[in-house]
């Protein structure tokens, strides 16, 4: 019996579910941009991330950073300074996204060139 081309095999179904799981963690307008900001700078202050990402509000950045922390992609580092400073850094697990971020950047550059002709 051959595989029905319209029906995914068990392996393909698992891969599709894995993509779904990844997108569930990384979904939304801002998460990839936040991860990219931290990824390309190693550590970022809240205000630095706000500057890096046009259009994001303080409240949304705070919510997204909390979600990224909950998913163990970002860690919050509180410095003992006056006033208190907070840095955000990718966890070791979060650093595994570096290849994906680099690939997205390359694809985005090429896509812009294809669409604009420049």
PDB file of N, CA and C in Angstrom:
ATOM      1  N   UNK A   1       0.838  -1.171   0.000  1.00  0.00           N
ATOM      2  CA  UNK A   1       0.000   0.000   0.000  1.00  0.00           C
ATOM      3  C   UNK A   1       0.886   1.237   0.000  1.00  0.00           C
ATOM      4  N   UNK A   2       0.610   2.203  -0.852  1.00  0.00           N
ATOM      5  CA  UNK A   2       1.406   3.433  -0.934  1.00  0.00           C
ATOM      6  C   UNK A   2       0.757   4.523  -0.088  1.00  0.00           C
ATOM      7  N   UNK A   3       1.601   5.495   0.287  1.00  0.00           N
ATOM      8  CA  UNK A   3       1.088   6.632   1.059  1.00  0.00           C
ATOM      9  C   UNK A   3       0.174   7.481   0.195  1.00  0.00           C
ATOM     10  N   UNK A   4      -0.907   7.897   0.755  1.00  0.00           N
ATOM     11  CA  UNK A   4      -1.796   8.849   0.108  1.00  0.00           C
ATOM     12  C   UNK A   4      -1.092  10.206   0.145  1.00  0.00           C
ATOM     13  N   UNK A   5      -0.834  10.848  -1.010  1.00  0.00           N
ATOM     14  CA  UNK A   5      -0.096  12.117  -1.014  1.00  0.00           C
ATOM     15  C   UNK A   5      -0.832  13.235  -0.263  1.00  0.00           C
ATOM     16  N   UNK A   6      -2.131  13.099  -0.100  1.00  0.00           N
ATOM     17  CA  UNK A   6      -2.895  14.117   0.623  1.00  0.00           C
ATOM     18  C   UNK A   6      -2.888  13.885   2.125  1.00  0.00           C
ATOM     19  N   UNK A   7      -2.456  12.719   2.550  1.00  0.00           N
ATOM     20  CA  UNK A   7      -2.445  12.381   3.970  1.00  0.00           C
ATOM     21  C   UNK A   7      -1.001  12.275   4.442  1.00  0.00           C
ATOM     22  N   UNK A   8      -0.578  13.146   5.378  1.00  0.00           N
ATOM     23  CA  UNK A   8       0.820  13.118   5.817  1.00  0.00           C
ATOM     24  C   UNK A   8       1.177  11.813   6.517  1.00  0.00           C
ATOM     25  N   UNK A   9       2.405  11.363   6.281  1.00  0.00           N
ATOM     26  CA  UNK A   9       2.898  10.200   7.016  1.00  0.00           C
ATOM     27  C   UNK A   9       3.057  10.595   8.481  1.00  0.00           C
ATOM     28  N   UNK A  10       3.267   9.614   9.341  1.00  0.00           N
ATOM     29  CA  UNK A  10       3.433   9.889  10.772  1.00  0.00           C
ATOM     30  C   UNK A  10       4.605  10.833  11.005  1.00  0.00           C
ATOM     31  N   UNK A  11       5.726  10.627  10.307  1.00  0.00           N
ATOM     32  CA  UNK A  11       6.896  11.492  10.463  1.00  0.00           C
ATOM     33  C   UNK A  11       6.578  12.913  10.035  1.00  0.00           C
ATOM     34  N   UNK A  12       5.928  13.052   8.891  1.00  0.00           N
ATOM     35  CA  UNK A  12       5.573  14.394   8.409  1.00  0.00           C
ATOM     36  C   UNK A  12       4.596  15.065   9.352  1.00  0.00           C
ATOM     37  N   UNK A  13       3.662  14.289   9.874  1.00  0.00           N
ATOM     38  CA  UNK A  13       2.682  14.833  10.819  1.00  0.00           C
ATOM     39  C   UNK A  13       3.399  15.339  12.074  1.00  0.00           C
ATOM     40  N   UNK A  14       4.385  14.581  12.556  1.00  0.00           N
ATOM     41  CA  UNK A  14       5.155  15.010  13.723  1.00  0.00           C
ATOM     42  C   UNK A  14       5.934  16.289  13.423  1.00  0.00           C
ATOM     43  N   UNK A  15       6.485  16.386  12.212  1.00  0.00           N
ATOM     44  CA  UNK A  15       7.214  17.592  11.831  1.00  0.00           C
ATOM     45  C   UNK A  15       6.283  18.799  11.764  1.00  0.00           C
ATOM     46  N   UNK A  16       5.106  18.595  11.228  1.00  0.00           N
ATOM     47  CA  UNK A  16       4.128  19.678  11.149  1.00  0.00           C
ATOM     48  C   UNK A  16       3.737  20.124  12.560  1.00  0.00           C
ATOM     49  N   UNK A  17       3.543  19.175  13.459  1.00  0.00           N
ATOM     50  CA  UNK A  17       3.217  19.498  14.854  1.00  0.00           C
ATOM     51  C   UNK A  17       4.380  20.231  15.533  1.00  0.00           C
ATOM     52  N   UNK A  18       5.604  19.840  15.203  1.00  0.00           N
ATOM     53  CA  UNK A  18       6.778  20.504  15.776  1.00  0.00           C
ATOM     54  C   UNK A  18       6.838  21.963  15.316  1.00  0.00           C
ATOM     55  N   UNK A  19       6.534  22.201  14.037  1.00  0.00           N
ATOM     56  CA  UNK A  19       6.486  23.578  13.527  1.00  0.00           C
ATOM     57  C   UNK A  19       5.382  24.346  14.256  1.00  0.00           C
ATOM     58  N   UNK A  20       4.247  23.707  14.434  1.00  0.00           N
ATOM     59  CA  UNK A  20       3.135  24.336  15.149  1.00  0.00           C
ATOM     60  C   UNK A  20       3.554  24.694  16.580  1.00  0.00           C
ATOM     61  N   UNK A  21       4.230  23.787  17.259  1.00  0.00           N
ATOM     62  CA  UNK A  21       4.695  24.045  18.623  1.00  0.00           C
ATOM     63  C   UNK A  21       5.667  25.224  18.658  1.00  0.00           C
ATOM     64  N   UNK A  22       6.593  25.261  17.711  1.00  0.00           N
ATOM     65  CA  UNK A  22       7.561  26.359  17.642  1.00  0.00           C
ATOM     66  C   UNK A  22       6.845  27.690  17.408  1.00  0.00           C
ATOM     67  N   UNK A  23       5.893  27.680  16.486  1.00  0.00           N
ATOM     68  CA  UNK A  23       5.169  28.912  16.184  1.00  0.00           C
ATOM     69  C   UNK A  23       4.300  29.339  17.363  1.00  0.00           C
ATOM     70  N   UNK A  24       3.829  28.394  18.141  1.00  0.00           N
ATOM     71  CA  UNK A  24       3.044  28.721  19.319  1.00  0.00           C
ATOM     72  C   UNK A  24       3.881  29.526  20.309  1.00  0.00           C
ATOM     73  N   UNK A  25       5.155  29.200  20.436  1.00  0.00           N
ATOM     74  CA  UNK A  25       6.059  29.911  21.346  1.00  0.00           C
ATOM     75  C   UNK A  25       6.502  31.241  20.745  1.00  0.00           C
ATOM     76  N   UNK A  26       6.720  31.278  19.444  1.00  0.00           N
ATOM     77  CA  UNK A  26       7.305  32.451  18.792  1.00  0.00           C
ATOM     78  C   UNK A  26       6.279  33.334  18.086  1.00  0.00           C
ATOM     79  N   UNK A  27       4.988  33.017  18.246  1.00  0.00           N
ATOM     80  CA  UNK A  27       3.957  33.735  17.506  1.00  0.00           C
ATOM     81  C   UNK A  27       3.832  35.189  17.945  1.00  0.00           C
ATOM     82  N   UNK A  28       3.109  35.936  17.149  1.00  0.00           N
ATOM     83  CA  UNK A  28       2.870  37.331  17.454  1.00  0.00           C
ATOM     84  C   UNK A  28       3.766  38.236  16.651  1.00  0.00           C
ATOM     85  N   UNK A  29       3.468  39.485  16.753  1.00  0.00           N
ATOM     86  CA  UNK A  29       4.149  40.502  15.955  1.00  0.00           C
ATOM     87  C   UNK A  29       5.556  40.812  16.459  1.00  0.00           C
ATOM     88  N   UNK A  30       5.835  40.580  17.742  1.00  0.00           N
ATOM     89  CA  UNK A  30       7.041  41.140  18.344  1.00  0.00           C
ATOM     90  C   UNK A  30       8.106  40.152  18.798  1.00  0.00           C
ATOM     91  N   UNK A  31       7.767  38.924  19.081  1.00  0.00           N
ATOM     92  CA  UNK A  31       8.723  38.019  19.738  1.00  0.00           C
ATOM     93  C   UNK A  31      10.012  37.816  18.947  1.00  0.00           C
ATOM     94  N   UNK A  32       9.901  37.572  17.664  1.00  0.00           N
ATOM     95  CA  UNK A  32      11.112  37.361  16.852  1.00  0.00           C
ATOM     96  C   UNK A  32      11.976  38.621  16.844  1.00  0.00           C
ATOM     97  N   UNK A  33      11.341  39.790  16.766  1.00  0.00           N
ATOM     98  CA  UNK A  33      12.102  41.043  16.781  1.00  0.00           C
ATOM     99  C   UNK A  33      12.808  41.248  18.117  1.00  0.00           C
ATOM    100  N   UNK A  34      12.144  40.915  19.204  1.00  0.00           N
ATOM    101  CA  UNK A  34      12.757  41.039  20.536  1.00  0.00           C
ATOM    102  C   UNK A  34      13.937  40.086  20.654  1.00  0.00           C
ATOM    103  N   UNK A  35      13.737  38.848  20.253  1.00  0.00           N
ATOM    104  CA  UNK A  35      14.823  37.868  20.287  1.00  0.00           C
ATOM    105  C   UNK A  35      15.983  38.337  19.427  1.00  0.00           C
ATOM    106  N   UNK A  36      15.682  38.886  18.258  1.00  0.00           N
ATOM    107  CA  UNK A  36      16.738  39.384  17.363  1.00  0.00           C
ATOM    108  C   UNK A  36      17.522  40.515  18.012  1.00  0.00           C
ATOM    109  N   UNK A  37      16.832  41.448  18.635  1.00  0.00           N
ATOM    110  CA  UNK A  37      17.501  42.567  19.298  1.00  0.00           C
ATOM    111  C   UNK A  37      18.481  42.068  20.351  1.00  0.00           C
ATOM    112  N   UNK A  38      18.022  41.145  21.168  1.00  0.00           N
ATOM    113  CA  UNK A  38      18.888  40.607  22.220  1.00  0.00           C
ATOM    114  C   UNK A  38      20.004  39.762  21.613  1.00  0.00           C
ATOM    115  N   UNK A  39      19.665  38.985  20.622  1.00  0.00           N
ATOM    116  CA  UNK A  39      20.609  38.074  19.973  1.00  0.00           C
ATOM    117  C   UNK A  39      21.778  38.840  19.340  1.00  0.00           C
ATOM    118  N   UNK A  40      21.464  39.902  18.620  1.00  0.00           N
ATOM    119  CA  UNK A  40      22.509  40.637  17.907  1.00  0.00           C
ATOM    120  C   UNK A  40      23.345  41.537  18.807  1.00  0.00           C
ATOM    121  N   UNK A  41      22.866  41.805  20.020  1.00  0.00           N
ATOM    122  CA  UNK A  41      23.596  42.672  20.945  1.00  0.00           C
ATOM    123  C   UNK A  41      24.068  41.942  22.199  1.00  0.00           C
ATOM    124  N   UNK A  42      23.747  40.678  22.329  1.00  0.00           N
ATOM    125  CA  UNK A  42      24.118  39.841  23.473  1.00  0.00           C
ATOM    126  C   UNK A  42      23.320  40.176  24.728  1.00  0.00           C
ATOM    127  N   UNK A  43      23.336  41.426  25.146  1.00  0.00           N
ATOM    128  CA  UNK A  43      22.532  41.872  26.290  1.00  0.00           C
ATOM    129  C   UNK A  43      21.866  43.181  25.893  1.00  0.00           C
ATOM    130  N   UNK A  44      20.635  43.366  26.372  1.00  0.00           N
ATOM    131  CA  UNK A  44      19.930  44.614  26.075  1.00  0.00           C
ATOM    132  C   UNK A  44      19.159  45.055  27.294  1.00  0.00           C
ATOM    133  N   UNK A  45      19.150  46.361  27.490  1.00  0.00           N
ATOM    134  CA  UNK A  45      18.260  46.948  28.480  1.00  0.00           C
ATOM    135  C   UNK A  45      16.873  47.087  27.841  1.00  0.00           C
ATOM    136  N   UNK A  46      15.866  47.193  28.689  1.00  0.00           N
ATOM    137  CA  UNK A  46      14.490  47.351  28.223  1.00  0.00           C
ATOM    138  C   UNK A  46      14.395  48.516  27.243  1.00  0.00           C
ATOM    139  N   UNK A  47      14.981  49.659  27.616  1.00  0.00           N
ATOM    140  CA  UNK A  47      14.907  50.852  26.768  1.00  0.00           C
ATOM    141  C   UNK A  47      15.632  50.653  25.433  1.00  0.00           C
ATOM    142  N   UNK A  48      16.694  49.855  25.429  1.00  0.00           N
ATOM    143  CA  UNK A  48      17.412  49.562  24.180  1.00  0.00           C
ATOM    144  C   UNK A  48      16.527  48.761  23.227  1.00  0.00           C
ATOM    145  N   UNK A  49      15.814  47.792  23.782  1.00  0.00           N
ATOM    146  CA  UNK A  49      14.917  46.971  22.954  1.00  0.00           C
ATOM    147  C   UNK A  49      13.806  47.849  22.397  1.00  0.00           C
ATOM    148  N   UNK A  50      13.272  48.752  23.237  1.00  0.00           N
ATOM    149  CA  UNK A  50      12.234  49.688  22.757  1.00  0.00           C
ATOM    150  C   UNK A  50      12.747  50.514  21.582  1.00  0.00           C
ATOM    151  N   UNK A  51      13.997  50.955  21.670  1.00  0.00           N
ATOM    152  CA  UNK A  51      14.601  51.744  20.595  1.00  0.00           C
ATOM    153  C   UNK A  51      14.804  50.908  19.337  1.00  0.00           C
ATOM    154  N   UNK A  52      15.184  49.656  19.520  1.00  0.00           N
ATOM    155  CA  UNK A  52      15.447  48.776  18.375  1.00  0.00           C
ATOM    156  C   UNK A  52      14.188  48.436  17.580  1.00  0.00           C
ATOM    157  N   UNK A  53      13.041  48.368  18.248  1.00  0.00           N
ATOM    158  CA  UNK A  53      11.825  47.855  17.619  1.00  0.00           C
ATOM    159  C   UNK A  53      10.794  48.972  17.479  1.00  0.00           C
ATOM    160  N   UNK A  54      10.630  49.462  16.270  1.00  0.00           N
ATOM    161  CA  UNK A  54       9.658  50.527  16.005  1.00  0.00           C
ATOM    162  C   UNK A  54       8.241  50.041  16.241  1.00  0.00           C
ATOM    163  N   UNK A  55       7.485  50.836  16.990  1.00  0.00           N
ATOM    164  CA  UNK A  55       6.062  50.583  17.136  1.00  0.00           C
ATOM    165  C   UNK A  55       5.643  49.771  18.346  1.00  0.00           C
ATOM    166  N   UNK A  56       6.576  49.182  19.062  1.00  0.00           N
ATOM    167  CA  UNK A  56       6.191  48.374  20.227  1.00  0.00           C
ATOM    168  C   UNK A  56       6.004  49.300  21.433  1.00  0.00           C
ATOM    169  N   UNK A  57       4.986  49.038  22.229  1.00  0.00           N
ATOM    170  CA  UNK A  57       4.731  49.840  23.424  1.00  0.00           C
ATOM    171  C   UNK A  57       5.462  49.231  24.622  1.00  0.00           C
ATOM    172  N   UNK A  58       5.616  50.029  25.667  1.00  0.00           N
ATOM    173  CA  UNK A  58       6.230  49.538  26.909  1.00  0.00           C
ATOM    174  C   UNK A  58       5.478  48.320  27.430  1.00  0.00           C
ATOM    175  N   UNK A  59       4.153  48.432  27.456  1.00  0.00           N
ATOM    176  CA  UNK A  59       3.320  47.355  28.002  1.00  0.00           C
ATOM    177  C   UNK A  59       3.490  46.071  27.194  1.00  0.00           C
ATOM    178  N   UNK A  60       3.474  46.187  25.874  1.00  0.00           N
ATOM    179  CA  UNK A  60       3.609  45.006  25.014  1.00  0.00           C
ATOM    180  C   UNK A  60       4.995  44.391  25.164  1.00  0.00           C
ATOM    181  N   UNK A  61       6.034  45.216  25.207  1.00  0.00           N
ATOM    182  CA  UNK A  61       7.392  44.693  25.384  1.00  0.00           C
ATOM    183  C   UNK A  61       7.494  43.945  26.715  1.00  0.00           C
ATOM    184  N   UNK A  62       6.939  44.519  27.744  1.00  0.00           N
ATOM    185  CA  UNK A  62       6.962  43.867  29.055  1.00  0.00           C
ATOM    186  C   UNK A  62       6.253  42.509  29.010  1.00  0.00           C
ATOM    187  N   UNK A  63       5.077  42.460  28.380  1.00  0.00           N
ATOM    188  CA  UNK A  63       4.328  41.200  28.267  1.00  0.00           C
ATOM    189  C   UNK A  63       5.101  40.158  27.474  1.00  0.00           C
ATOM    190  N   UNK A  64       5.678  40.581  26.365  1.00  0.00           N
ATOM    191  CA  UNK A  64       6.397  39.646  25.503  1.00  0.00           C
ATOM    192  C   UNK A  64       7.665  39.128  26.183  1.00  0.00           C
ATOM    193  N   UNK A  65       8.383  40.003  26.893  1.00  0.00           N
ATOM    194  CA  UNK A  65       9.573  39.561  27.610  1.00  0.00           C
ATOM    195  C   UNK A  65       9.206  38.534  28.692  1.00  0.00           C
ATOM    196  N   UNK A  66       8.086  38.759  29.379  1.00  0.00           N
ATOM    197  CA  UNK A  66       7.635  37.793  30.390  1.00  0.00           C
ATOM    198  C   UNK A  66       7.319  36.446  29.748  1.00  0.00           C
ATOM    199  N   UNK A  67       6.663  36.469  28.586  1.00  0.00           N
ATOM    200  CA  UNK A  67       6.347  35.217  27.884  1.00  0.00           C
ATOM    201  C   UNK A  67       7.626  34.510  27.439  1.00  0.00           C
ATOM    202  N   UNK A  68       8.606  35.269  26.955  1.00  0.00           N
ATOM    203  CA  UNK A  68       9.876  34.677  26.523  1.00  0.00           C
ATOM    204  C   UNK A  68      10.644  34.108  27.719  1.00  0.00           C
ATOM    205  N   UNK A  69      10.557  34.783  28.865  1.00  0.00           N
ATOM    206  CA  UNK A  69      11.164  34.251  30.096  1.00  0.00           C
ATOM    207  C   UNK A  69      10.479  32.949  30.509  1.00  0.00           C
ATOM    208  N   UNK A  70       9.149  32.944  30.457  1.00  0.00           N
ATOM    209  CA  UNK A  70       8.384  31.763  30.850  1.00  0.00           C
ATOM    210  C   UNK A  70       8.758  30.555  29.976  1.00  0.00           C
ATOM    211  N   UNK A  71       9.066  30.812  28.708  1.00  0.00           N
ATOM    212  CA  UNK A  71       9.445  29.747  27.788  1.00  0.00           C
ATOM    213  C   UNK A  71      10.951  29.484  27.781  1.00  0.00           C
ATOM    214  N   UNK A  72      11.649  30.074  28.754  1.00  0.00           N
ATOM    215  CA  UNK A  72      13.079  29.826  28.982  1.00  0.00           C
ATOM    216  C   UNK A  72      13.969  30.217  27.813  1.00  0.00           C
ATOM    217  N   UNK A  73      13.546  31.252  27.069  1.00  0.00           N
ATOM    218  CA  UNK A  73      14.337  31.750  25.950  1.00  0.00           C
ATOM    219  C   UNK A  73      15.148  32.981  26.342  1.00  0.00           C
ATOM    220  N   UNK A  74      14.633  33.746  27.312  1.00  0.00           N
ATOM    221  CA  UNK A  74      15.265  34.990  27.749  1.00  0.00           C
ATOM    222  C   UNK A  74      15.386  34.955  29.267  1.00  0.00           C
ATOM    223  N   UNK A  75      16.489  35.506  29.765  1.00  0.00           N
ATOM    224  CA  UNK A  75      16.619  35.660  31.215  1.00  0.00           C
ATOM    225  C   UNK A  75      16.781  37.136  31.547  1.00  0.00           C
ATOM    226  N   UNK A  76      16.245  37.471  32.688  1.00  0.00           N
ATOM    227  CA  UNK A  76      16.256  38.837  33.199  1.00  0.00           C
ATOM    228  C   UNK A  76      17.349  38.919  34.256  1.00  0.00           C
ATOM    229  N   UNK A  77      18.250  39.869  34.103  1.00  0.00           N
ATOM    230  CA  UNK A  77      19.365  40.040  35.031  1.00  0.00           C
ATOM    231  C   UNK A  77      19.209  41.403  35.711  1.00  0.00           C
ATOM    232  N   UNK A  78      19.002  41.381  37.021  1.00  0.00           N
ATOM    233  CA  UNK A  78      18.854  42.615  37.785  1.00  0.00           C
ATOM    234  C   UNK A  78      20.215  42.980  38.356  1.00  0.00           C
ATOM    235  N   UNK A  79      20.690  44.169  37.999  1.00  0.00           N
ATOM    236  CA  UNK A  79      21.996  44.637  38.480  1.00  0.00           C
ATOM    237  C   UNK A  79      21.815  45.468  39.741  1.00  0.00           C
ATOM    238  N   UNK A  80      22.755  45.332  40.647  1.00  0.00           N
ATOM    239  CA  UNK A  80      22.714  46.069  41.909  1.00  0.00           C
ATOM    240  C   UNK A  80      23.320  47.452  41.697  1.00  0.00           C
ATOM    241  N   UNK A  81      22.555  48.305  41.039  1.00  0.00           N
ATOM    242  CA  UNK A  81      22.999  49.669  40.749  1.00  0.00           C
ATOM    243  C   UNK A  81      21.950  50.641  41.275  1.00  0.00           C
ATOM    244  N   UNK A  82      22.286  51.904  41.312  1.00  0.00           N
ATOM    245  CA  UNK A  82      21.335  52.950  41.683  1.00  0.00           C
ATOM    246  C   UNK A  82      21.156  53.878  40.502  1.00  0.00           C
ATOM    247  N   UNK A  83      20.020  53.983  39.898  1.00  0.00           N
ATOM    248  CA  UNK A  83      18.846  53.141  40.114  1.00  0.00           C
ATOM    249  C   UNK A  83      19.107  51.719  39.597  1.00  0.00           C
ATOM    250  N   UNK A  84      18.240  50.810  39.977  1.00  0.00           N
ATOM    251  CA  UNK A  84      18.375  49.410  39.574  1.00  0.00           C
ATOM    252  C   UNK A  84      18.334  49.317  38.054  1.00  0.00           C
ATOM    253  N   UNK A  85      19.250  48.559  37.491  1.00  0.00           N
ATOM    254  CA  UNK A  85      19.276  48.317  36.044  1.00  0.00           C
ATOM    255  C   UNK A  85      18.904  46.869  35.775  1.00  0.00           C
ATOM    256  N   UNK A  86      18.209  46.653  34.688  1.00  0.00           N
ATOM    257  CA  UNK A  86      17.816  45.299  34.292  1.00  0.00           C
ATOM    258  C   UNK A  86      18.319  45.045  32.880  1.00  0.00           C
ATOM    259  N   UNK A  87      18.976  43.923  32.699  1.00  0.00           N
ATOM    260  CA  UNK A  87      19.439  43.495  31.381  1.00  0.00           C
ATOM    261  C   UNK A  87      18.679  42.243  30.983  1.00  0.00           C
ATOM    262  N   UNK A  88      18.492  42.081  29.687  1.00  0.00           N
ATOM    263  CA  UNK A  88      17.888  40.869  29.153  1.00  0.00           C
ATOM    264  C   UNK A  88      18.919  40.190  28.278  1.00  0.00           C
ATOM    265  N   UNK A  89      18.967  38.880  28.410  1.00  0.00           N
ATOM    266  CA  UNK A  89      19.953  38.076  27.697  1.00  0.00           C
ATOM    267  C   UNK A  89      19.276  36.775  27.286  1.00  0.00           C
ATOM    268  N   UNK A  90      19.713  36.218  26.160  1.00  0.00           N
ATOM    269  CA  UNK A  90      19.194  34.914  25.777  1.00  0.00           C
ATOM    270  C   UNK A  90      19.763  33.860  26.711  1.00  0.00           C
ATOM    271  N   UNK A  91      18.950  32.896  27.055  1.00  0.00           N
ATOM    272  CA  UNK A  91      19.435  31.744  27.811  1.00  0.00           C
ATOM    273  C   UNK A  91      20.246  30.868  26.847  1.00  0.00           C
ATOM    274  N   UNK A  92      20.906  29.864  27.375  1.00  0.00           N
ATOM    275  CA  UNK A  92      21.605  28.919  26.495  1.00  0.00           C
ATOM    276  C   UNK A  92      20.605  28.294  25.521  1.00  0.00           C
ATOM    277  N   UNK A  93      19.442  27.966  26.028  1.00  0.00           N
ATOM    278  CA  UNK A  93      18.378  27.416  25.178  1.00  0.00           C
ATOM    279  C   UNK A  93      17.936  28.443  24.134  1.00  0.00           C
ATOM    280  N   UNK A  94      17.787  29.696  24.541  1.00  0.00           N
ATOM    281  CA  UNK A  94      17.406  30.762  23.614  1.00  0.00           C
ATOM    282  C   UNK A  94      18.439  30.980  22.520  1.00  0.00           C
ATOM    283  N   UNK A  95      19.710  30.753  22.853  1.00  0.00           N
ATOM    284  CA  UNK A  95      20.780  30.935  21.854  1.00  0.00           C
ATOM    285  C   UNK A  95      20.670  29.934  20.712  1.00  0.00           C
ATOM    286  N   UNK A  96      19.926  28.843  20.922  1.00  0.00           N
ATOM    287  CA  UNK A  96      19.738  27.878  19.836  1.00  0.00           C
ATOM    288  C   UNK A  96      18.911  28.483  18.699  1.00  0.00           C
ATOM    289  N   UNK A  97      18.278  29.621  18.946  1.00  0.00           N
ATOM    290  CA  UNK A  97      17.504  30.314  17.901  1.00  0.00           C
ATOM    291  C   UNK A  97      18.385  31.165  16.985  1.00  0.00           C
ATOM    292  N   UNK A  98      19.676  31.316  17.314  1.00  0.00           N
ATOM    293  CA  UNK A  98      20.578  32.172  16.523  1.00  0.00           C
ATOM    294  C   UNK A  98      20.566  31.798  15.045  1.00  0.00           C
ATOM    295  N   UNK A  99      20.649  30.521  14.748  1.00  0.00           N
ATOM    296  CA  UNK A  99      20.665  30.067  13.349  1.00  0.00           C
ATOM    297  C   UNK A  99      19.360  30.452  12.651  1.00  0.00           C
ATOM    298  N   UNK A 100      18.254  30.297  13.350  1.00  0.00           N
ATOM    299  CA  UNK A 100      16.957  30.648  12.773  1.00  0.00           C
ATOM    300  C   UNK A 100      16.879  32.149  12.522  1.00  0.00           C
ATOM    301  N   UNK A 101      17.344  32.954  13.471  1.00  0.00           N
ATOM    302  CA  UNK A 101      17.340  34.415  13.321  1.00  0.00           C
ATOM    303  C   UNK A 101      18.216  34.816  12.137  1.00  0.00           C
ATOM    304  N   UNK A 102      19.406  34.230  12.033  1.00  0.00           N
ATOM    305  CA  UNK A 102      20.289  34.536  10.903  1.00  0.00           C
ATOM    306  C   UNK A 102      19.651  34.136   9.577  1.00  0.00           C
ATOM    307  N   UNK A 103      19.012  32.962   9.540  1.00  0.00           N
ATOM    308  CA  UNK A 103      18.344  32.522   8.313  1.00  0.00           C
ATOM    309  C   UNK A 103      17.172  33.433   7.955  1.00  0.00           C
ATOM    310  N   UNK A 104      16.417  33.864   8.954  1.00  0.00           N
ATOM    311  CA  UNK A 104      15.312  34.804   8.700  1.00  0.00           C
ATOM    312  C   UNK A 104      15.838  36.130   8.162  1.00  0.00           C
ATOM    313  N   UNK A 105      16.947  36.619   8.725  1.00  0.00           N
ATOM    314  CA  UNK A 105      17.543  37.869   8.246  1.00  0.00           C
ATOM    315  C   UNK A 105      17.987  37.727   6.794  1.00  0.00           C
ATOM    316  N   UNK A 106      18.642  36.623   6.468  1.00  0.00           N
ATOM    317  CA  UNK A 106      19.075  36.398   5.083  1.00  0.00           C
ATOM    318  C   UNK A 106      17.875  36.313   4.149  1.00  0.00           C
ATOM    319  N   UNK A 107      16.846  35.567   4.569  1.00  0.00           N
ATOM    320  CA  UNK A 107      15.657  35.423   3.745  1.00  0.00           C
ATOM    321  C   UNK A 107      14.954  36.771   3.579  1.00  0.00           C
ATOM    322  N   UNK A 108      14.856  37.547   4.664  1.00  0.00           N
ATOM    323  CA  UNK A 108      14.208  38.860   4.605  1.00  0.00           C
ATOM    324  C   UNK A 108      14.935  39.820   3.677  1.00  0.00           C
ATOM    325  N   UNK A 109      16.261  39.782   3.694  1.00  0.00           N
ATOM    326  CA  UNK A 109      17.051  40.620   2.794  1.00  0.00           C
ATOM    327  C   UNK A 109      16.786  40.230   1.344  1.00  0.00           C
ATOM    328  N   UNK A 110      16.792  38.933   1.066  1.00  0.00           N
ATOM    329  CA  UNK A 110      16.535  38.450  -0.293  1.00  0.00           C
ATOM    330  C   UNK A 110      15.099  38.747  -0.716  1.00  0.00           C
ATOM    331  N   UNK A 111      14.160  38.557   0.182  1.00  0.00           N
ATOM    332  CA  UNK A 111      12.755  38.823  -0.141  1.00  0.00           C
ATOM    333  C   UNK A 111      12.549  40.301  -0.500  1.00  0.00           C
ATOM    334  N   UNK A 112      13.149  41.188   0.272  1.00  0.00           N
ATOM    335  CA  UNK A 112      13.045  42.622  -0.026  1.00  0.00           C
ATOM    336  C   UNK A 112      13.617  42.913  -1.418  1.00  0.00           C
ATOM    337  N   UNK A 113      14.750  42.273  -1.743  1.00  0.00           N
ATOM    338  CA  UNK A 113      15.356  42.474  -3.053  1.00  0.00           C
ATOM    339  C   UNK A 113      14.443  41.962  -4.167  1.00  0.00           C
ATOM    340  N   UNK A 114      13.839  40.789  -3.969  1.00  0.00           N
ATOM    341  CA  UNK A 114      12.945  40.204  -4.972  1.00  0.00           C
ATOM    342  C   UNK A 114      11.725  41.100  -5.176  1.00  0.00           C
ATOM    343  N   UNK A 115      11.138  41.567  -4.082  1.00  0.00           N
ATOM    344  CA  UNK A 115       9.912  42.355  -4.173  1.00  0.00           C
ATOM    345  C   UNK A 115      10.169  43.748  -4.722  1.00  0.00           C
ATOM    346  N   UNK A 116      11.237  44.388  -4.260  1.00  0.00           N
ATOM    347  CA  UNK A 116      11.510  45.765  -4.677  1.00  0.00           C
ATOM    348  C   UNK A 116      12.378  45.859  -5.924  1.00  0.00           C
ATOM    349  N   UNK A 117      13.059  44.752  -6.261  1.00  0.00           N
ATOM    350  CA  UNK A 117      13.972  44.782  -7.404  1.00  0.00           C
ATOM    351  C   UNK A 117      15.278  45.483  -7.099  1.00  0.00           C
ATOM    352  N   UNK A 118      15.544  45.740  -5.815  1.00  0.00           N
ATOM    353  CA  UNK A 118      16.775  46.442  -5.428  1.00  0.00           C
ATOM    354  C   UNK A 118      17.654  45.559  -4.578  1.00  0.00           C
TER     355      UNK A 118
END
